[in-house]
Amino acid sequence: MRITHRQDETRVSLRFIDSDTTAKQILLELTCIPYHSIFCWPVDVPLQAVRIRTATSRASDTVSLLGIFDCALEFHGEGVEIRYPRKVENLPIIQKNLRSWRNDLHQIFLQNMVWRKKYFLASEMRAYVESALRKGITSQSAIAASAAMSVATLRRKLSIERTSFRALSDMVLYETVVHHMETGLSFEEIAEQLGYSDSRSFRRAFRRVFGKNPSDLKK
């Protein structure tokens, strides 16, 4: 484990020293939850991660456990990295009774493991997906798993609203690009914000929505 500070973030990186495998990657993702619980205990407040990076190979899998953090997921490189706001460094440490640490951590762990409510109305499902997409979670399976449902159920609920995951993805991409073009944010920064770690995937989605490449639209 390694803790680093970059700009306005505190980053906790977890990685095996030797070569990574899918099984080891899943183990690292599992390890994030108890580590997060330990970080919350001495400050006595629920910490909110702003972004979690996991391996590129996991982009096509169901990243169900990471979905409980309710933050943007980025699929890039190897290992797992939890990013917190830099201000967590300055949170006051609360004096605790060391005899109760096991029970306290167990309660925090259970709170972190509690799934979001399993029943969503169709309209709630649409809002939930839009929110996840704006946070940079582009994997349909990850969003479905974080809502404790299958991809088929997610698609069925969206169809009731006469929409689809692709349509919502395109809408969020369009709105985000139009908004940030006025702020001067580069297309690379927009792609990162929307969770596109692969530039080709972003360009492909961009052409589908705008009918041209990012460079052509910029001109």
Protein backbone atom coordinates (compact mmCIF):
# COMPACT_ATOMS: atom_id res chain seq x y z
CA MET A 1 0.00 0.00 0.00
CA ARG A 2 1.21 3.50 -0.84
CA ILE A 3 -0.21 6.92 0.08
CA THR A 4 0.64 9.93 -2.05
CA HIS A 5 -0.55 13.53 -2.29
CA ARG A 6 -1.13 15.16 -5.67
CA GLN A 7 -2.65 18.58 -6.14
CA ASP A 8 -6.03 18.48 -4.35
CA GLU A 9 -6.19 14.69 -3.80
CA THR A 10 -4.90 12.11 -1.36
CA ARG A 11 -4.38 8.80 -3.16
CA VAL A 12 -4.21 5.35 -1.58
CA SER A 13 -2.73 2.79 -4.00
CA LEU A 14 -2.93 -0.98 -3.55
CA ARG A 15 -0.96 -3.35 -5.74
CA PHE A 16 0.79 -6.71 -5.64
CA ILE A 17 4.55 -6.55 -6.11
CA ASP A 18 4.61 -9.46 -8.54
CA SER A 19 2.50 -9.82 -11.68
CA ASP A 20 -1.22 -9.14 -11.35
CA THR A 21 -3.92 -11.67 -12.21
CA THR A 22 -7.70 -11.31 -12.32
CA ALA A 23 -7.99 -13.15 -8.98
CA LYS A 24 -5.47 -10.81 -7.35
CA GLN A 25 -7.21 -7.79 -8.83
CA ILE A 26 -10.53 -8.90 -7.32
CA LEU A 27 -8.76 -9.41 -3.97
CA LEU A 28 -7.46 -5.84 -4.13
CA GLU A 29 -10.97 -4.55 -4.81
CA LEU A 30 -12.23 -6.51 -1.82
CA THR A 31 -9.43 -5.05 0.31
CA CYS A 32 -10.56 -1.49 -0.47
CA ILE A 33 -13.61 -1.83 1.77
CA PRO A 34 -11.90 -2.74 5.09
CA TYR A 35 -9.15 -0.18 4.41
CA HIS A 36 -11.79 2.47 3.81
CA SER A 37 -13.48 1.46 7.08
CA ILE A 38 -10.17 1.81 8.93
CA PHE A 39 -9.66 5.31 7.50
CA CYS A 40 -13.15 6.35 8.68
CA TRP A 41 -12.75 5.09 12.25
CA PRO A 42 -10.30 7.61 13.79
CA VAL A 43 -11.97 10.67 12.24
CA ASP A 44 -15.48 9.44 13.12
CA VAL A 45 -17.01 10.71 9.88
CA PRO A 46 -17.92 8.89 6.65
CA LEU A 47 -15.20 9.65 4.10
CA GLN A 48 -16.27 10.14 0.49
CA ALA A 49 -13.95 8.94 -2.25
CA VAL A 50 -13.98 11.14 -5.35
CA ARG A 51 -12.64 8.55 -7.77
CA ILE A 52 -11.46 4.94 -7.77
CA ARG A 53 -9.10 3.53 -10.37
CA THR A 54 -8.96 -0.18 -11.06
CA ALA A 55 -7.31 -2.33 -13.71
CA THR A 56 -7.99 -1.82 -17.41
CA SER A 57 -8.91 -5.50 -17.69
CA ARG A 58 -11.85 -5.00 -15.30
CA ALA A 59 -13.67 -2.53 -17.55
CA SER A 60 -15.71 -5.30 -19.17
CA ASP A 61 -16.46 -7.10 -15.88
CA THR A 62 -19.08 -6.48 -13.23
CA VAL A 63 -17.28 -4.30 -10.70
CA SER A 64 -20.01 -4.71 -8.10
CA LEU A 65 -18.09 -4.05 -4.89
CA LEU A 66 -16.47 -0.86 -6.13
CA GLY A 67 -19.92 0.40 -7.01
CA ILE A 68 -20.78 0.85 -3.32
CA PHE A 69 -18.36 3.78 -3.07
CA ASP A 70 -20.75 5.85 -5.21
CA CYS A 71 -17.99 7.70 -7.05
CA ALA A 72 -16.43 7.75 -10.50
CA LEU A 73 -14.72 4.54 -11.61
CA GLU A 74 -11.68 4.73 -13.87
CA PHE A 75 -10.28 1.68 -15.65
CA HIS A 76 -6.61 2.29 -16.22
CA GLY A 77 -3.35 0.45 -15.51
CA GLU A 78 -3.09 -2.16 -12.75
CA GLY A 79 -3.91 -2.40 -9.08
CA VAL A 80 -6.47 -0.23 -7.27
CA GLU A 81 -6.25 3.42 -6.27
CA ILE A 82 -8.72 5.26 -4.01
CA ARG A 83 -8.70 9.04 -4.36
CA TYR A 84 -9.93 11.23 -1.52
CA PRO A 85 -10.17 15.04 -1.32
CA ARG A 86 -6.92 16.48 0.02
CA LYS A 87 -8.84 18.00 2.95
CA VAL A 88 -9.10 14.56 4.61
CA GLU A 89 -5.53 15.10 5.84
CA ASN A 90 -6.70 17.88 8.13
CA LEU A 91 -9.66 16.10 9.70
CA PRO A 92 -9.30 15.98 13.50
CA ILE A 93 -8.47 12.59 15.02
CA ILE A 94 -11.03 11.57 17.64
CA GLN A 95 -9.82 9.87 20.81
CA LYS A 96 -11.30 6.38 20.78
CA ASN A 97 -11.56 3.52 23.21
CA LEU A 98 -9.18 0.94 21.76
CA ARG A 99 -11.20 -1.84 23.38
CA SER A 100 -14.09 -1.08 21.06
CA TRP A 101 -12.16 -0.88 17.78
CA ARG A 102 -13.31 -4.31 16.57
CA ASN A 103 -17.00 -3.54 17.07
CA ASP A 104 -16.62 -0.01 15.69
CA LEU A 105 -14.86 -1.17 12.53
CA HIS A 106 -17.41 -3.94 12.11
CA GLN A 107 -20.25 -1.41 12.15
CA ILE A 108 -18.48 0.88 9.67
CA PHE A 109 -17.74 -2.12 7.47
CA LEU A 110 -21.41 -3.17 7.50
CA GLN A 111 -22.54 0.36 6.67
CA ASN A 112 -20.17 0.41 3.69
CA MET A 113 -21.42 -2.98 2.55
CA VAL A 114 -25.11 -2.09 2.67
CA TRP A 115 -26.43 -2.12 -0.87
CA ARG A 116 -28.53 0.71 -2.18
CA LYS A 117 -32.21 -0.04 -2.11
CA LYS A 118 -32.92 -2.94 -4.41
CA TYR A 119 -36.18 -1.64 -5.81
CA PHE A 120 -36.08 1.28 -8.20
CA LEU A 121 -39.02 2.85 -9.97
CA ALA A 122 -38.35 3.29 -13.68
CA SER A 123 -38.02 7.07 -13.27
CA GLU A 124 -35.62 6.61 -10.34
CA MET A 125 -33.54 4.17 -12.39
CA ARG A 126 -33.15 6.72 -15.16
CA ALA A 127 -31.97 9.40 -12.72
CA TYR A 128 -29.63 6.92 -11.05
CA VAL A 129 -27.99 5.98 -14.37
CA GLU A 130 -27.63 9.61 -15.43
CA SER A 131 -25.96 10.44 -12.11
CA ALA A 132 -23.54 7.52 -12.44
CA LEU A 133 -22.62 8.49 -16.01
CA ARG A 134 -21.88 12.07 -14.95
CA LYS A 135 -19.56 10.71 -12.26
CA GLY A 136 -17.57 8.85 -14.92
CA ILE A 137 -18.96 5.33 -14.49
CA THR A 138 -19.27 4.21 -18.11
CA SER A 139 -19.68 0.47 -17.50
CA GLN A 140 -23.32 -0.61 -17.76
CA SER A 141 -22.61 -3.76 -15.75
CA ALA A 142 -20.92 -1.75 -12.96
CA ILE A 143 -23.92 0.58 -12.68
CA ALA A 144 -26.36 -2.34 -12.64
CA ALA A 145 -24.34 -4.17 -10.00
CA SER A 146 -24.08 -1.09 -7.80
CA ALA A 147 -27.90 -0.95 -7.86
CA ALA A 148 -28.02 -4.67 -6.94
CA MET A 149 -29.69 -5.76 -10.18
CA SER A 150 -28.81 -7.48 -13.42
CA VAL A 151 -28.06 -5.65 -16.66
CA ALA A 152 -31.26 -7.12 -18.12
CA THR A 153 -33.33 -5.62 -15.27
CA LEU A 154 -31.64 -2.24 -15.72
CA ARG A 155 -32.42 -2.27 -19.44
CA ARG A 156 -36.03 -3.28 -18.78
CA LYS A 157 -36.58 -0.42 -16.34
CA LEU A 158 -35.04 2.08 -18.74
CA SER A 159 -37.24 0.81 -21.57
CA ILE A 160 -40.30 1.66 -19.47
CA GLU A 161 -39.05 5.25 -19.59
CA ARG A 162 -38.68 4.84 -23.38
CA THR A 163 -34.92 5.23 -23.25
CA SER A 164 -31.80 3.08 -23.17
CA PHE A 165 -28.34 3.05 -21.63
CA ARG A 166 -26.82 4.12 -24.95
CA ALA A 167 -29.26 7.01 -25.30
CA LEU A 168 -28.54 8.26 -21.78
CA SER A 169 -24.77 7.91 -22.36
CA ASP A 170 -25.03 10.00 -25.52
CA MET A 171 -27.18 12.62 -23.79
CA VAL A 172 -24.72 12.98 -20.88
CA LEU A 173 -21.79 13.17 -23.32
CA TYR A 174 -23.52 15.88 -25.37
CA GLU A 175 -24.47 17.99 -22.33
CA THR A 176 -21.02 17.66 -20.75
CA VAL A 177 -19.14 18.61 -23.93
CA VAL A 178 -21.40 21.59 -24.67
CA HIS A 179 -21.07 22.83 -21.08
CA HIS A 180 -17.30 22.49 -20.84
CA MET A 181 -16.50 23.88 -24.27
CA GLU A 182 -17.39 27.28 -22.81
CA THR A 183 -15.18 26.74 -19.75
CA GLY A 184 -12.07 26.01 -21.84
CA LEU A 185 -11.69 22.42 -20.63
CA SER A 186 -9.82 20.27 -23.17
CA PHE A 187 -11.44 17.25 -24.78
CA GLU A 188 -8.89 15.04 -23.01
CA GLU A 189 -10.00 16.42 -19.64
CA ILE A 190 -13.66 15.99 -20.59
CA ALA A 191 -12.99 12.38 -21.59
CA GLU A 192 -11.30 11.71 -18.24
CA GLN A 193 -14.17 13.30 -16.34
CA LEU A 194 -16.65 11.06 -18.15
CA GLY A 195 -14.58 7.95 -17.39
CA TYR A 196 -13.20 7.31 -20.88
CA SER A 197 -9.69 5.99 -20.14
CA ASP A 198 -9.47 4.82 -23.77
CA SER A 199 -9.25 7.79 -26.16
CA ARG A 200 -10.53 5.67 -29.06
CA SER A 201 -13.73 4.87 -27.16
CA PHE A 202 -14.26 8.56 -26.46
CA ARG A 203 -13.71 9.55 -30.10
CA ARG A 204 -16.06 6.82 -31.27
CA ALA A 205 -18.80 7.99 -28.89
CA PHE A 206 -18.07 11.62 -29.82
CA ARG A 207 -18.50 10.94 -33.54
CA ARG A 208 -21.75 9.10 -32.85
CA VAL A 209 -23.18 12.08 -30.92
CA PHE A 210 -21.77 15.05 -32.87
CA GLY A 211 -21.17 13.49 -36.27
CA LYS A 212 -17.54 14.64 -36.37
CA ASN A 213 -14.23 14.26 -34.55
CA PRO A 214 -13.36 16.41 -31.48
CA SER A 215 -10.68 18.28 -33.45
CA ASP A 216 -13.15 19.14 -36.22
CA LEU A 217 -15.75 20.40 -33.75
CA LYS A 218 -13.12 22.51 -32.00
CA LYS A 219 -12.24 24.20 -35.28
